[in-house]
C-alpha cells in the first residue's frame, strides 16, 4: 500500500494495518528526504519503497542515496521524462 501524503498520523494508521496483517508492506510516494527521515525516526515500521519521478533530467541523487542508505527501495516513474515539462 502506497501513501501519497506526508501525514505522520496516516503512516501510523498504515503501520497498524500491517501489524494486523491487512497489508503486506507499506510504501510512500513523492516523499523527500525530510519526510522520509520523519517516518523512519518516528515510526515503528520503515517504508519499503519510495515512488518518485526519476529520469535522466531529474536524477535526485541525494534522495536516491538516502533511500539506499536506509534500505528503502526507490521505485521510479516517468523514466523518459514528463511531456508536460520543458526539459
N, C-alpha and C. Protein backbone atom coordinates (compact mmCIF):
# COMPACT_ATOMS: atom_id res chain seq x y z
N UNK A 1 0.84 -1.16 0.00
CA UNK A 1 0.00 0.00 0.00
C UNK A 1 0.90 1.23 0.00
N UNK A 2 0.66 2.16 -0.91
CA UNK A 2 1.44 3.39 -1.00
C UNK A 2 0.70 4.55 -0.36
N UNK A 3 1.43 5.40 0.33
CA UNK A 3 0.87 6.61 0.92
C UNK A 3 1.33 7.79 0.08
N UNK A 4 0.40 8.61 -0.38
CA UNK A 4 0.70 9.72 -1.26
C UNK A 4 0.71 11.07 -0.54
N UNK A 5 0.61 11.08 0.75
CA UNK A 5 0.66 12.33 1.51
C UNK A 5 1.56 12.12 2.71
N UNK A 6 1.95 13.20 3.34
CA UNK A 6 3.03 13.11 4.31
C UNK A 6 2.59 13.12 5.77
N UNK A 7 1.34 12.88 6.05
CA UNK A 7 0.89 12.92 7.43
C UNK A 7 1.40 11.75 8.26
N UNK A 8 2.04 12.06 9.39
CA UNK A 8 2.58 11.01 10.27
C UNK A 8 1.44 10.16 10.83
N UNK A 9 0.30 10.77 11.12
CA UNK A 9 -0.84 10.02 11.64
C UNK A 9 -1.29 8.99 10.61
N UNK A 10 -1.28 9.37 9.34
CA UNK A 10 -1.66 8.44 8.29
C UNK A 10 -0.70 7.26 8.22
N UNK A 11 0.60 7.53 8.36
CA UNK A 11 1.57 6.45 8.31
C UNK A 11 1.39 5.53 9.51
N UNK A 12 1.12 6.10 10.67
CA UNK A 12 0.88 5.27 11.86
C UNK A 12 -0.35 4.38 11.68
N UNK A 13 -1.36 4.90 11.00
CA UNK A 13 -2.55 4.09 10.71
C UNK A 13 -2.18 2.93 9.78
N UNK A 14 -1.29 3.19 8.82
CA UNK A 14 -0.87 2.13 7.91
C UNK A 14 -0.04 1.08 8.66
N UNK A 15 0.78 1.53 9.61
CA UNK A 15 1.55 0.58 10.42
C UNK A 15 0.62 -0.36 11.18
N UNK A 16 -0.46 0.20 11.69
CA UNK A 16 -1.43 -0.62 12.42
C UNK A 16 -2.05 -1.67 11.49
N UNK A 17 -2.37 -1.28 10.27
CA UNK A 17 -2.92 -2.23 9.30
C UNK A 17 -1.93 -3.35 9.01
N UNK A 18 -0.64 -3.02 8.93
CA UNK A 18 0.36 -4.05 8.68
C UNK A 18 0.48 -4.98 9.89
N UNK A 19 0.47 -4.41 11.08
CA UNK A 19 0.55 -5.22 12.29
C UNK A 19 -0.63 -6.19 12.39
N UNK A 20 -1.79 -5.76 11.89
CA UNK A 20 -2.99 -6.60 11.91
C UNK A 20 -3.01 -7.61 10.76
N UNK A 21 -2.00 -7.53 9.89
CA UNK A 21 -1.92 -8.46 8.78
C UNK A 21 -2.81 -8.12 7.60
N UNK A 22 -3.33 -6.89 7.57
CA UNK A 22 -4.23 -6.50 6.48
C UNK A 22 -3.48 -6.00 5.25
N UNK A 23 -2.24 -5.58 5.42
CA UNK A 23 -1.38 -5.21 4.29
C UNK A 23 -0.02 -5.86 4.50
N UNK A 24 0.63 -6.21 3.39
CA UNK A 24 1.92 -6.90 3.48
C UNK A 24 3.06 -5.93 3.77
N UNK A 25 3.05 -4.79 3.10
CA UNK A 25 4.11 -3.81 3.30
C UNK A 25 3.56 -2.41 3.04
N UNK A 26 4.33 -1.41 3.48
CA UNK A 26 3.92 -0.02 3.35
C UNK A 26 4.96 0.72 2.52
N UNK A 27 4.51 1.48 1.56
CA UNK A 27 5.39 2.32 0.78
C UNK A 27 4.88 3.74 0.77
N UNK A 28 5.72 4.65 0.33
CA UNK A 28 5.33 6.05 0.23
C UNK A 28 5.59 6.53 -1.20
N UNK A 29 5.01 7.64 -1.54
CA UNK A 29 5.18 8.19 -2.88
C UNK A 29 5.49 9.68 -2.78
N UNK A 30 6.52 10.10 -3.52
CA UNK A 30 6.91 11.50 -3.60
C UNK A 30 7.34 12.09 -2.26
N UNK A 31 7.90 11.26 -1.39
CA UNK A 31 8.44 11.76 -0.13
C UNK A 31 9.85 12.27 -0.36
N UNK A 32 10.16 13.44 0.21
CA UNK A 32 11.52 13.95 0.14
C UNK A 32 12.31 13.40 1.33
N UNK A 33 13.58 13.77 1.42
CA UNK A 33 14.44 13.24 2.48
C UNK A 33 13.92 13.62 3.87
N UNK A 34 13.46 14.84 4.04
CA UNK A 34 12.94 15.28 5.33
C UNK A 34 11.74 14.42 5.75
N UNK A 35 10.81 14.21 4.83
CA UNK A 35 9.62 13.41 5.14
C UNK A 35 9.99 11.97 5.46
N UNK A 36 10.93 11.41 4.70
CA UNK A 36 11.36 10.04 4.96
C UNK A 36 12.03 9.92 6.33
N UNK A 37 12.87 10.89 6.67
CA UNK A 37 13.52 10.87 7.99
C UNK A 37 12.48 10.84 9.11
N UNK A 38 11.45 11.66 8.98
CA UNK A 38 10.39 11.69 10.00
C UNK A 38 9.72 10.34 10.13
N UNK A 39 9.36 9.74 9.00
CA UNK A 39 8.67 8.46 9.03
C UNK A 39 9.57 7.38 9.62
N UNK A 40 10.83 7.37 9.23
CA UNK A 40 11.77 6.36 9.73
C UNK A 40 12.03 6.55 11.22
N UNK A 41 12.24 7.79 11.66
CA UNK A 41 12.58 8.06 13.05
C UNK A 41 11.40 7.97 14.00
N UNK A 42 10.21 8.35 13.54
CA UNK A 42 9.05 8.40 14.42
C UNK A 42 8.17 7.16 14.32
N UNK A 43 8.35 6.40 13.26
CA UNK A 43 7.50 5.22 13.07
C UNK A 43 8.13 3.96 13.62
N UNK A 44 7.32 2.91 13.66
CA UNK A 44 7.79 1.61 14.11
C UNK A 44 8.26 0.76 12.94
N UNK A 45 7.63 0.95 11.78
CA UNK A 45 7.92 0.15 10.60
C UNK A 45 8.40 1.09 9.50
N UNK A 46 9.61 0.90 8.98
CA UNK A 46 10.07 1.79 7.91
C UNK A 46 9.35 1.48 6.59
N UNK A 47 9.21 2.47 5.73
CA UNK A 47 8.59 2.20 4.43
C UNK A 47 9.49 1.28 3.60
N UNK A 48 8.87 0.45 2.79
CA UNK A 48 9.61 -0.48 1.95
C UNK A 48 10.10 0.21 0.69
N UNK A 49 9.30 1.14 0.17
CA UNK A 49 9.65 1.81 -1.08
C UNK A 49 9.23 3.28 -1.04
N UNK A 50 9.90 4.07 -1.87
CA UNK A 50 9.52 5.46 -2.10
C UNK A 50 9.41 5.62 -3.61
N UNK A 51 8.21 5.86 -4.10
CA UNK A 51 7.98 6.02 -5.53
C UNK A 51 8.12 7.50 -5.88
N UNK A 52 9.09 7.80 -6.75
CA UNK A 52 9.36 9.19 -7.11
C UNK A 52 9.59 9.32 -8.61
N UNK A 53 9.42 10.53 -9.12
CA UNK A 53 9.77 10.80 -10.52
C UNK A 53 11.29 10.71 -10.65
N UNK A 54 11.74 9.91 -11.58
CA UNK A 54 13.17 9.66 -11.70
C UNK A 54 13.49 9.36 -13.16
N UNK A 55 14.35 10.19 -13.76
CA UNK A 55 14.75 10.01 -15.15
C UNK A 55 16.01 10.84 -15.41
N UNK A 56 16.60 10.75 -16.59
CA UNK A 56 17.87 11.46 -16.84
C UNK A 56 17.83 12.96 -16.60
N UNK A 57 16.66 13.58 -16.68
CA UNK A 57 16.56 15.01 -16.44
C UNK A 57 16.25 15.36 -14.98
N UNK A 58 15.93 14.34 -14.19
CA UNK A 58 15.61 14.54 -12.78
C UNK A 58 16.14 13.32 -12.03
N UNK A 59 17.44 13.34 -11.70
CA UNK A 59 18.09 12.15 -11.16
C UNK A 59 17.99 12.03 -9.64
N UNK A 60 17.78 13.10 -8.94
CA UNK A 60 17.56 13.09 -7.49
C UNK A 60 18.60 12.25 -6.73
N UNK A 61 19.86 12.52 -7.00
CA UNK A 61 20.94 11.72 -6.42
C UNK A 61 20.91 11.66 -4.89
N UNK A 62 20.70 12.79 -4.23
CA UNK A 62 20.70 12.81 -2.76
C UNK A 62 19.57 11.96 -2.19
N UNK A 63 18.39 12.06 -2.79
CA UNK A 63 17.25 11.29 -2.32
C UNK A 63 17.48 9.79 -2.54
N UNK A 64 17.99 9.43 -3.70
CA UNK A 64 18.25 8.02 -4.01
C UNK A 64 19.30 7.46 -3.05
N UNK A 65 20.35 8.23 -2.77
CA UNK A 65 21.38 7.77 -1.83
C UNK A 65 20.79 7.60 -0.44
N UNK A 66 19.98 8.55 0.01
CA UNK A 66 19.35 8.44 1.32
C UNK A 66 18.50 7.17 1.40
N UNK A 67 17.73 6.94 0.37
CA UNK A 67 16.87 5.74 0.35
C UNK A 67 17.73 4.47 0.42
N UNK A 68 18.76 4.39 -0.39
CA UNK A 68 19.63 3.21 -0.38
C UNK A 68 20.29 3.03 0.99
N UNK A 69 20.75 4.11 1.58
CA UNK A 69 21.40 4.05 2.90
C UNK A 69 20.45 3.58 4.00
N UNK A 70 19.15 3.77 3.79
CA UNK A 70 18.14 3.42 4.79
C UNK A 70 17.27 2.24 4.37
N UNK A 71 17.75 1.47 3.40
CA UNK A 71 17.06 0.26 2.94
C UNK A 71 15.63 0.51 2.45
N UNK A 72 15.44 1.64 1.79
CA UNK A 72 14.16 1.96 1.17
C UNK A 72 14.36 1.83 -0.34
N UNK A 73 13.62 0.95 -0.96
CA UNK A 73 13.74 0.75 -2.40
C UNK A 73 13.16 1.96 -3.13
N UNK A 74 13.86 2.44 -4.15
CA UNK A 74 13.36 3.55 -4.96
C UNK A 74 12.64 2.97 -6.17
N UNK A 75 11.40 3.37 -6.32
CA UNK A 75 10.62 3.00 -7.49
C UNK A 75 10.45 4.26 -8.32
N UNK A 76 10.99 4.26 -9.53
CA UNK A 76 10.93 5.45 -10.38
C UNK A 76 9.74 5.42 -11.32
N UNK A 77 9.17 6.59 -11.54
CA UNK A 77 8.15 6.70 -12.59
C UNK A 77 8.58 7.79 -13.56
N UNK A 78 7.97 7.81 -14.72
CA UNK A 78 8.33 8.72 -15.83
C UNK A 78 9.78 8.53 -16.25
N UNK A 79 10.21 7.29 -16.56
CA UNK A 79 11.62 7.04 -16.90
C UNK A 79 12.10 7.79 -18.13
N UNK A 80 11.20 8.24 -18.98
CA UNK A 80 11.59 9.01 -20.16
C UNK A 80 11.29 10.49 -20.00
N UNK A 81 10.91 10.89 -18.81
CA UNK A 81 10.59 12.29 -18.56
C UNK A 81 9.09 12.52 -18.70
N UNK A 82 8.68 13.72 -18.37
CA UNK A 82 7.26 14.08 -18.45
C UNK A 82 7.03 14.98 -19.65
N UNK A 83 5.98 14.71 -20.39
CA UNK A 83 5.68 15.50 -21.59
C UNK A 83 5.25 16.92 -21.25
N UNK A 84 4.81 17.16 -20.03
CA UNK A 84 4.35 18.49 -19.65
C UNK A 84 5.46 19.36 -19.05
N UNK A 85 6.69 18.89 -19.08
CA UNK A 85 7.82 19.65 -18.55
C UNK A 85 8.68 20.19 -19.69
N UNK A 86 9.27 21.36 -19.52
CA UNK A 86 10.03 21.97 -20.60
C UNK A 86 11.39 21.30 -20.89
N UNK A 87 11.90 20.46 -20.02
CA UNK A 87 13.19 19.86 -20.28
C UNK A 87 13.00 18.77 -21.24
